[in-house]
Amino acid sequence: MDSAFIIEKSVFIVTIFAITMVMAMYSTWAERKVAAFLQDRVGPNRAGWGGLLQPLADGMKLFAKEEFAPNTPNKFLFFVGPAIAMSTALMTSAVIPWGDKLHIFGHDVVLQATDIDVSLLYIFGVVSVGVYGIMIGGWASNNKFSLMGAVRAASQMVSYEVAMGLSIIALVMMTGTLSLKEVSIQQSGMHWNVFYQPVGFLIFLICAFAETNRTPFDLAECESELIGGYHTEYSSMKMGFYLFAEYANMFISSTIIAVLYFGGYNYPGMHWMVENAGVNAANILGIGVLFIKICFFIFFYMWVRWTIPRFRYDQLMNLGWKILIPLSIINIIITGICILAFK
């Protein structure tokens, strides 16, 4: 492995991390703007044109706030919780194909940090570790409301990971691969998986809401019952890490949905663009198309949050265990029958 390859991948990884952080920052601005639009308000409009500098102002405010730690015997774990939540939110971006490739100075640059054969398993492994960040933070806070919020979050995320994994099994049966790169390639020419797996897509989408603790599945931090949930005792940038992790997870989950079910960077006429405008132009447009899809799903997250009320906890569990899991198993059976009948 030569040094040029290592430098190229390092630069690409740093770039992806920076893009993820910027998207998470400006998702907070977009959230407030979407909420204001849906509620017939103005939203942030003081810091910069249209409030565009509001995320920077919020970041400076969090840095400047006083650090506070509760009287807990687990101070180390109290600091580790937000770090785990933030790290797992960023790690999933390593296996996502952001485009095909660019031809620069006679060298092909692959627009993916690493292409492993088990990308989907890697994502599920990292996501399953993310629950520890919430659970450890809530338990180490030495606060009963934080602990209850952490227990809710852990049980919710574990429950919906089962249905999410089962929904992916049907997709893996159809595509025959666990590589996100291969899944994207198979969807060229508008052969998007959402047309073949609509039920699997709906299950995955609902589970993504639950995994990111977004309304109507934000039972872990509902202020009407648990004050602030698992991050009640956090302040300054430790609090900021939890908030950033939620928006980073929202960005990454939107990307995964776009890659798995909506063709990723593929778009109609991509082969024509490659032949007539060149590889670079076609693939730069593909990156733009992927980000348009991502922004749509981020908007959809926000739209649902400010439209649908929060579930009760028993409704949350019933939906996960009694509806989504049986439905995903039925979807697997139907997918297997269709594969045997038509292939």
Protein backbone atom coordinates (compact mmCIF):
# COMPACT_ATOMS: atom_id res chain seq x y z
CA MET A 1 0.00 0.00 0.00
CA ASP A 2 1.76 3.17 -1.22
CA SER A 3 1.80 6.53 0.54
CA ALA A 4 -0.20 8.26 -2.24
CA PHE A 5 -3.10 5.86 -1.68
CA ILE A 6 -3.02 6.45 2.09
CA ILE A 7 -2.95 10.24 1.61
CA GLU A 8 -5.83 10.06 -0.89
CA LYS A 9 -8.01 8.00 1.45
CA SER A 10 -7.10 10.16 4.46
CA VAL A 11 -8.08 13.34 2.62
CA PHE A 12 -11.32 11.71 1.46
CA ILE A 13 -12.21 10.52 4.99
CA VAL A 14 -11.52 13.97 6.49
CA THR A 15 -13.64 15.54 3.74
CA ILE A 16 -16.56 13.19 4.42
CA PHE A 17 -16.33 13.85 8.17
CA ALA A 18 -16.33 17.61 7.49
CA ILE A 19 -19.35 17.32 5.17
CA THR A 20 -21.18 15.24 7.78
CA MET A 21 -20.51 17.85 10.46
CA VAL A 22 -21.61 20.72 8.19
CA MET A 23 -24.78 18.84 7.23
CA ALA A 24 -25.49 18.16 10.92
CA MET A 25 -24.94 21.84 11.75
CA TYR A 26 -27.19 23.15 9.03
CA SER A 27 -29.80 20.48 9.68
CA THR A 28 -30.42 22.31 12.97
CA TRP A 29 -30.99 25.52 10.99
CA ALA A 30 -33.22 23.70 8.50
CA GLU A 31 -35.18 22.09 11.35
CA ARG A 32 -36.03 25.48 12.79
CA LYS A 33 -36.89 26.91 9.38
CA VAL A 34 -39.14 23.97 8.49
CA ALA A 35 -40.84 24.17 11.90
CA ALA A 36 -41.38 27.90 11.41
CA PHE A 37 -42.82 27.36 7.92
CA LEU A 38 -45.22 24.66 9.08
CA GLN A 39 -46.32 26.78 12.07
CA ASP A 40 -46.56 30.05 10.10
CA ARG A 41 -43.61 31.66 11.90
CA VAL A 42 -40.41 33.34 10.71
CA GLY A 43 -37.74 31.18 12.32
CA PRO A 44 -34.10 32.22 12.85
CA ASN A 45 -33.38 35.42 10.89
CA ARG A 46 -30.95 37.49 12.99
CA ALA A 47 -27.54 35.81 12.64
CA GLY A 48 -26.60 36.31 9.00
CA TRP A 49 -28.85 36.44 5.94
CA GLY A 50 -31.90 34.29 6.65
CA GLY A 51 -30.28 33.10 9.88
CA LEU A 52 -27.56 31.16 8.00
CA LEU A 53 -24.99 31.91 10.70
CA GLN A 54 -27.29 30.65 13.47
CA PRO A 55 -25.60 27.19 13.65
CA LEU A 56 -22.22 28.89 14.17
CA ALA A 57 -23.70 31.09 16.87
CA ASP A 58 -25.21 28.02 18.56
CA GLY A 59 -21.86 26.24 18.41
CA MET A 60 -20.05 29.19 19.96
CA LYS A 61 -22.72 29.35 22.68
CA LEU A 62 -22.21 25.67 23.51
CA PHE A 63 -18.42 26.11 23.67
CA ALA A 64 -18.78 29.13 25.93
CA LYS A 65 -21.25 27.54 28.36
CA GLU A 66 -20.08 26.46 31.79
CA GLU A 67 -19.04 22.82 32.11
CA PHE A 68 -21.14 21.07 34.72
CA ALA A 69 -20.89 17.50 36.00
CA PRO A 70 -23.37 16.00 38.47
CA ASN A 71 -22.33 14.36 41.72
CA THR A 72 -21.78 10.93 40.22
CA PRO A 73 -19.28 8.17 41.04
CA ASN A 74 -18.93 7.46 37.30
CA LYS A 75 -17.39 10.67 36.01
CA PHE A 76 -15.31 8.85 33.40
CA LEU A 77 -18.37 7.15 31.91
CA PHE A 78 -20.24 10.46 32.11
CA PHE A 79 -17.69 11.87 29.64
CA VAL A 80 -17.49 8.69 27.53
CA GLY A 81 -21.23 8.59 26.72
CA PRO A 82 -21.35 11.61 24.36
CA ALA A 83 -18.04 10.54 22.76
CA ILE A 84 -19.44 7.11 21.86
CA ALA A 85 -22.65 8.64 20.48
CA MET A 86 -20.73 11.09 18.30
CA SER A 87 -18.12 8.57 17.13
CA THR A 88 -20.62 5.94 16.02
CA ALA A 89 -22.60 8.62 14.16
CA LEU A 90 -19.52 9.48 12.10
CA MET A 91 -18.08 5.98 11.61
CA THR A 92 -20.92 4.73 9.40
CA SER A 93 -19.95 7.15 6.61
CA ALA A 94 -16.79 5.11 5.87
CA VAL A 95 -18.54 2.49 3.71
CA ILE A 96 -21.06 4.71 1.90
CA PRO A 97 -20.48 5.12 -1.89
CA TRP A 98 -20.84 8.86 -2.48
CA GLY A 99 -20.29 8.45 -6.21
CA ASP A 100 -18.62 6.20 -8.75
CA LYS A 101 -15.16 7.68 -9.48
CA LEU A 102 -13.39 10.79 -10.72
CA HIS A 103 -10.52 10.79 -13.20
CA ILE A 104 -7.98 13.31 -11.85
CA PHE A 105 -4.44 13.76 -13.25
CA GLY A 106 -4.53 10.36 -14.93
CA HIS A 107 -5.62 8.62 -11.74
CA ASP A 108 -9.03 7.20 -10.81
CA VAL A 109 -10.27 8.44 -7.43
CA VAL A 110 -12.96 6.14 -6.00
CA LEU A 111 -15.59 8.15 -4.13
CA GLN A 112 -15.82 5.74 -1.21
CA ALA A 113 -13.56 5.56 1.82
CA THR A 114 -13.49 1.76 1.80
CA ASP A 115 -15.47 -0.88 -0.09
CA ILE A 116 -15.82 -3.94 2.12
CA ASP A 117 -17.92 -6.95 1.14
CA VAL A 118 -19.98 -6.74 4.33
CA SER A 119 -20.81 -3.02 4.35
CA LEU A 120 -24.35 -3.62 5.61
CA LEU A 121 -23.10 -5.76 8.51
CA TYR A 122 -20.57 -3.05 9.37
CA ILE A 123 -23.32 -0.41 9.48
CA PHE A 124 -25.53 -2.56 11.72
CA GLY A 125 -22.58 -3.30 13.98
CA VAL A 126 -21.73 0.39 14.40
CA VAL A 127 -25.38 1.35 14.90
CA SER A 128 -25.75 -1.30 17.62
CA VAL A 129 -22.77 0.20 19.46
CA GLY A 130 -24.43 3.64 19.37
CA VAL A 131 -26.96 2.55 21.97
CA TYR A 132 -24.13 2.27 24.50
CA GLY A 133 -23.46 6.01 24.23
CA ILE A 134 -27.01 6.80 25.29
CA MET A 135 -27.23 4.05 27.90
CA ILE A 136 -23.88 4.88 29.52
CA GLY A 137 -24.63 8.62 29.54
CA GLY A 138 -28.03 8.15 31.15
CA TRP A 139 -26.77 5.69 33.76
CA ALA A 140 -23.66 7.71 34.68
CA SER A 141 -25.75 10.89 35.14
CA ASN A 142 -26.95 9.62 38.54
CA ASN A 143 -30.43 10.94 37.77
CA LYS A 144 -33.56 8.79 37.72
CA PHE A 145 -35.05 10.68 34.77
CA SER A 146 -31.84 10.26 32.77
CA LEU A 147 -31.76 6.54 33.61
CA MET A 148 -35.38 6.07 32.57
CA GLY A 149 -34.70 7.88 29.32
CA ALA A 150 -31.63 5.73 28.67
CA VAL A 151 -33.58 2.52 29.36
CA ARG A 152 -36.32 3.67 27.00
CA ALA A 153 -33.79 4.51 24.30
CA ALA A 154 -31.95 1.20 24.66
CA SER A 155 -35.11 -0.93 24.53
CA GLN A 156 -36.48 1.12 21.63
CA MET A 157 -33.30 0.91 19.56
CA VAL A 158 -32.76 -2.80 20.21
CA SER A 159 -36.40 -3.56 19.36
CA TYR A 160 -36.41 -1.67 16.08
CA GLU A 161 -32.99 -2.98 15.03
CA VAL A 162 -34.63 -6.42 14.76
CA ALA A 163 -37.28 -5.21 12.30
CA MET A 164 -34.71 -3.14 10.41
CA GLY A 165 -32.41 -6.13 10.03
CA LEU A 166 -35.25 -8.35 8.84
CA SER A 167 -36.29 -5.74 6.26
CA ILE A 168 -32.73 -5.72 4.92
CA ILE A 169 -32.67 -9.54 4.62
CA ALA A 170 -35.29 -9.38 1.85
CA LEU A 171 -33.16 -6.79 0.04
CA VAL A 172 -30.02 -8.94 0.41
CA MET A 173 -31.91 -11.96 -0.95
CA MET A 174 -32.85 -9.92 -4.02
CA THR A 175 -29.48 -8.27 -4.66
CA GLY A 176 -27.27 -11.15 -3.53
CA THR A 177 -24.70 -8.86 -1.90
CA LEU A 178 -23.90 -7.04 1.34
CA SER A 179 -21.76 -4.41 -0.42
CA LEU A 180 -23.30 -0.95 -0.68
CA LYS A 181 -21.20 -0.28 -3.78
CA GLU A 182 -22.61 -3.34 -5.52
CA VAL A 183 -26.16 -2.44 -4.43
CA SER A 184 -25.71 1.02 -6.01
CA ILE A 185 -24.34 -0.43 -9.25
CA GLN A 186 -27.28 -2.82 -9.58
CA GLN A 187 -29.72 0.11 -9.44
CA SER A 188 -28.40 1.90 -12.54
CA GLY A 189 -30.94 2.73 -15.21
CA MET A 190 -33.78 3.47 -12.74
CA HIS A 191 -33.84 -0.11 -11.44
CA TRP A 192 -34.33 1.27 -7.95
CA ASN A 193 -34.93 -1.24 -5.20
CA VAL A 194 -37.90 0.72 -3.84
CA PHE A 195 -39.92 -0.52 -6.85
CA TYR A 196 -39.16 -4.14 -5.95
CA GLN A 197 -39.14 -3.82 -2.14
CA PRO A 198 -41.78 -1.18 -1.22
CA VAL A 199 -42.77 -2.95 2.01
CA GLY A 200 -39.13 -3.39 3.03
CA PHE A 201 -38.53 0.30 2.36
CA LEU A 202 -41.47 1.38 4.55
CA ILE A 203 -40.32 -0.88 7.40
CA PHE A 204 -36.75 0.41 7.09
CA LEU A 205 -37.95 4.03 7.03
CA ILE A 206 -40.08 3.61 10.17
CA CYS A 207 -37.22 1.87 11.97
CA ALA A 208 -34.85 4.66 10.92
CA PHE A 209 -37.10 7.15 12.73
CA ALA A 210 -36.93 4.99 15.85
CA GLU A 211 -33.16 4.46 15.62
CA THR A 212 -32.49 8.20 15.39
CA ASN A 213 -34.93 8.98 18.27
CA ARG A 214 -36.95 11.29 16.06
CA THR A 215 -40.59 12.20 16.68
CA PRO A 216 -42.95 10.33 16.88
CA PHE A 217 -40.39 7.94 18.42
CA ASP A 218 -38.60 10.38 20.75
CA LEU A 219 -39.79 8.68 23.95
CA ALA A 220 -36.23 8.67 25.30
CA GLU A 221 -36.14 12.45 25.72
CA CYS A 222 -39.78 13.54 25.98
CA GLU A 223 -39.73 16.63 28.15
CA SER A 224 -43.32 16.21 29.36
CA GLU A 225 -42.35 13.04 31.25
CA LEU A 226 -38.58 12.87 31.67
CA ILE A 227 -37.44 16.53 31.71
CA GLY A 228 -34.74 16.09 29.04
CA GLY A 229 -34.29 12.33 29.08
CA TYR A 230 -30.85 10.78 28.94
CA HIS A 231 -29.05 14.12 28.42
CA THR A 232 -30.75 16.03 31.26
CA GLU A 233 -27.50 16.43 33.25
CA TYR A 234 -25.32 17.39 30.27
CA SER A 235 -24.18 20.91 29.43
CA SER A 236 -21.79 22.71 27.10
CA MET A 237 -20.28 20.64 24.25
CA LYS A 238 -21.12 17.30 25.88
CA MET A 239 -24.75 18.27 25.36
CA GLY A 240 -23.77 19.50 21.89
CA PHE A 241 -22.29 16.09 21.04
CA TYR A 242 -25.59 14.37 21.78
CA LEU A 243 -27.50 16.90 19.69
CA PHE A 244 -24.98 16.72 16.84
CA ALA A 245 -25.05 12.92 16.97
CA GLU A 246 -28.82 12.95 16.41
CA TYR A 247 -28.54 15.16 13.34
CA ALA A 248 -25.48 13.29 12.04
CA ASN A 249 -27.43 10.04 12.41
CA MET A 250 -30.32 11.63 10.53
CA PHE A 251 -27.98 12.60 7.69
CA ILE A 252 -26.33 9.16 7.55
CA SER A 253 -29.63 7.27 7.74
CA SER A 254 -31.02 9.43 4.91
CA THR A 255 -27.92 8.57 2.88
CA ILE A 256 -28.32 4.84 3.55
CA ILE A 257 -32.01 4.97 2.53
CA ALA A 258 -31.06 6.76 -0.69
CA VAL A 259 -28.31 4.21 -1.45
CA LEU A 260 -30.30 1.08 -0.60
CA TYR A 261 -33.66 1.93 -2.15
CA PHE A 262 -33.37 5.00 -4.41
CA GLY A 263 -30.33 4.26 -6.56
CA GLY A 264 -27.73 6.22 -4.59
CA TYR A 265 -25.76 8.36 -7.02
CA ASN A 266 -27.54 6.85 -10.07
CA TYR A 267 -29.94 8.99 -12.08
CA PRO A 268 -31.82 8.64 -15.40
CA GLY A 269 -29.50 9.14 -18.37
CA MET A 270 -26.28 8.60 -16.42
CA HIS A 271 -24.77 6.34 -19.09
CA TRP A 272 -25.58 8.95 -21.74
CA MET A 273 -23.82 11.58 -19.61
CA VAL A 274 -20.74 9.37 -19.27
CA GLU A 275 -20.54 8.88 -23.05
CA ASN A 276 -21.20 12.50 -24.03
CA ALA A 277 -19.98 14.68 -21.13
CA GLY A 278 -17.27 12.47 -19.67
CA VAL A 279 -16.84 10.48 -16.48
CA ASN A 280 -16.09 13.48 -14.25
CA ALA A 281 -19.12 15.53 -15.26
CA ALA A 282 -21.45 12.53 -15.02
CA ASN A 283 -20.20 11.50 -11.57
CA ILE A 284 -20.13 15.05 -10.15
CA LEU A 285 -23.78 15.31 -11.22
CA GLY A 286 -24.32 11.92 -9.55
CA ILE A 287 -22.95 13.29 -6.25
CA GLY A 288 -25.34 16.23 -6.55
CA VAL A 289 -28.27 13.87 -7.25
CA LEU A 290 -27.39 11.79 -4.17
CA PHE A 291 -27.36 14.91 -1.98
CA ILE A 292 -30.73 16.00 -3.41
CA LYS A 293 -32.16 12.64 -2.35
CA ILE A 294 -30.53 12.99 1.08
CA CYS A 295 -31.94 16.49 1.57
CA PHE A 296 -35.41 15.25 0.65
CA PHE A 297 -35.32 12.57 3.35
CA ILE A 298 -33.90 15.01 5.90
CA PHE A 299 -36.84 17.32 5.10
CA PHE A 300 -39.16 14.33 5.45
CA TYR A 301 -37.76 13.63 8.94
CA MET A 302 -38.51 17.24 9.90
CA TRP A 303 -41.91 17.28 8.25
CA VAL A 304 -43.00 14.22 10.22
CA ARG A 305 -41.61 15.64 13.46
CA TRP A 306 -43.73 18.78 13.27
CA THR A 307 -46.84 16.99 12.00
CA ILE A 308 -47.36 13.73 13.92
CA PRO A 309 -47.75 13.65 17.72
CA ARG A 310 -45.59 11.45 19.95
CA PHE A 311 -46.61 7.81 20.52
CA ARG A 312 -47.21 6.30 23.92
CA TYR A 313 -44.52 3.85 24.96
CA ASP A 314 -46.81 0.80 24.76
CA GLN A 315 -47.83 1.86 21.23
CA LEU A 316 -44.15 2.16 20.32
CA MET A 317 -43.38 -1.38 21.48
CA ASN A 318 -46.54 -2.85 19.94
CA LEU A 319 -45.68 -1.33 16.58
CA GLY A 320 -42.16 -2.75 16.69
CA TRP A 321 -42.82 -6.27 17.98
CA LYS A 322 -46.38 -7.03 16.90
CA ILE A 323 -46.57 -5.29 13.51
CA LEU A 324 -43.18 -4.50 11.94
CA ILE A 325 -41.38 -7.75 12.81
CA PRO A 326 -44.20 -10.07 11.57
CA LEU A 327 -44.61 -7.86 8.48
CA SER A 328 -40.89 -8.04 7.69
CA ILE A 329 -40.93 -11.85 8.07
CA ILE A 330 -43.88 -12.06 5.68
CA ASN A 331 -41.96 -9.80 3.28
CA ILE A 332 -38.98 -12.19 3.42
CA ILE A 333 -41.23 -15.17 2.61
CA ILE A 334 -42.90 -13.36 -0.31
CA THR A 335 -39.49 -12.22 -1.63
CA GLY A 336 -38.20 -15.82 -1.50
CA ILE A 337 -41.26 -17.11 -3.38
CA CYS A 338 -40.85 -14.41 -6.07
CA ILE A 339 -37.14 -15.19 -6.46
CA LEU A 340 -37.88 -18.89 -6.96
CA ALA A 341 -40.77 -18.20 -9.34
CA PHE A 342 -39.22 -15.54 -11.58
CA LYS A 343 -35.49 -16.33 -11.63
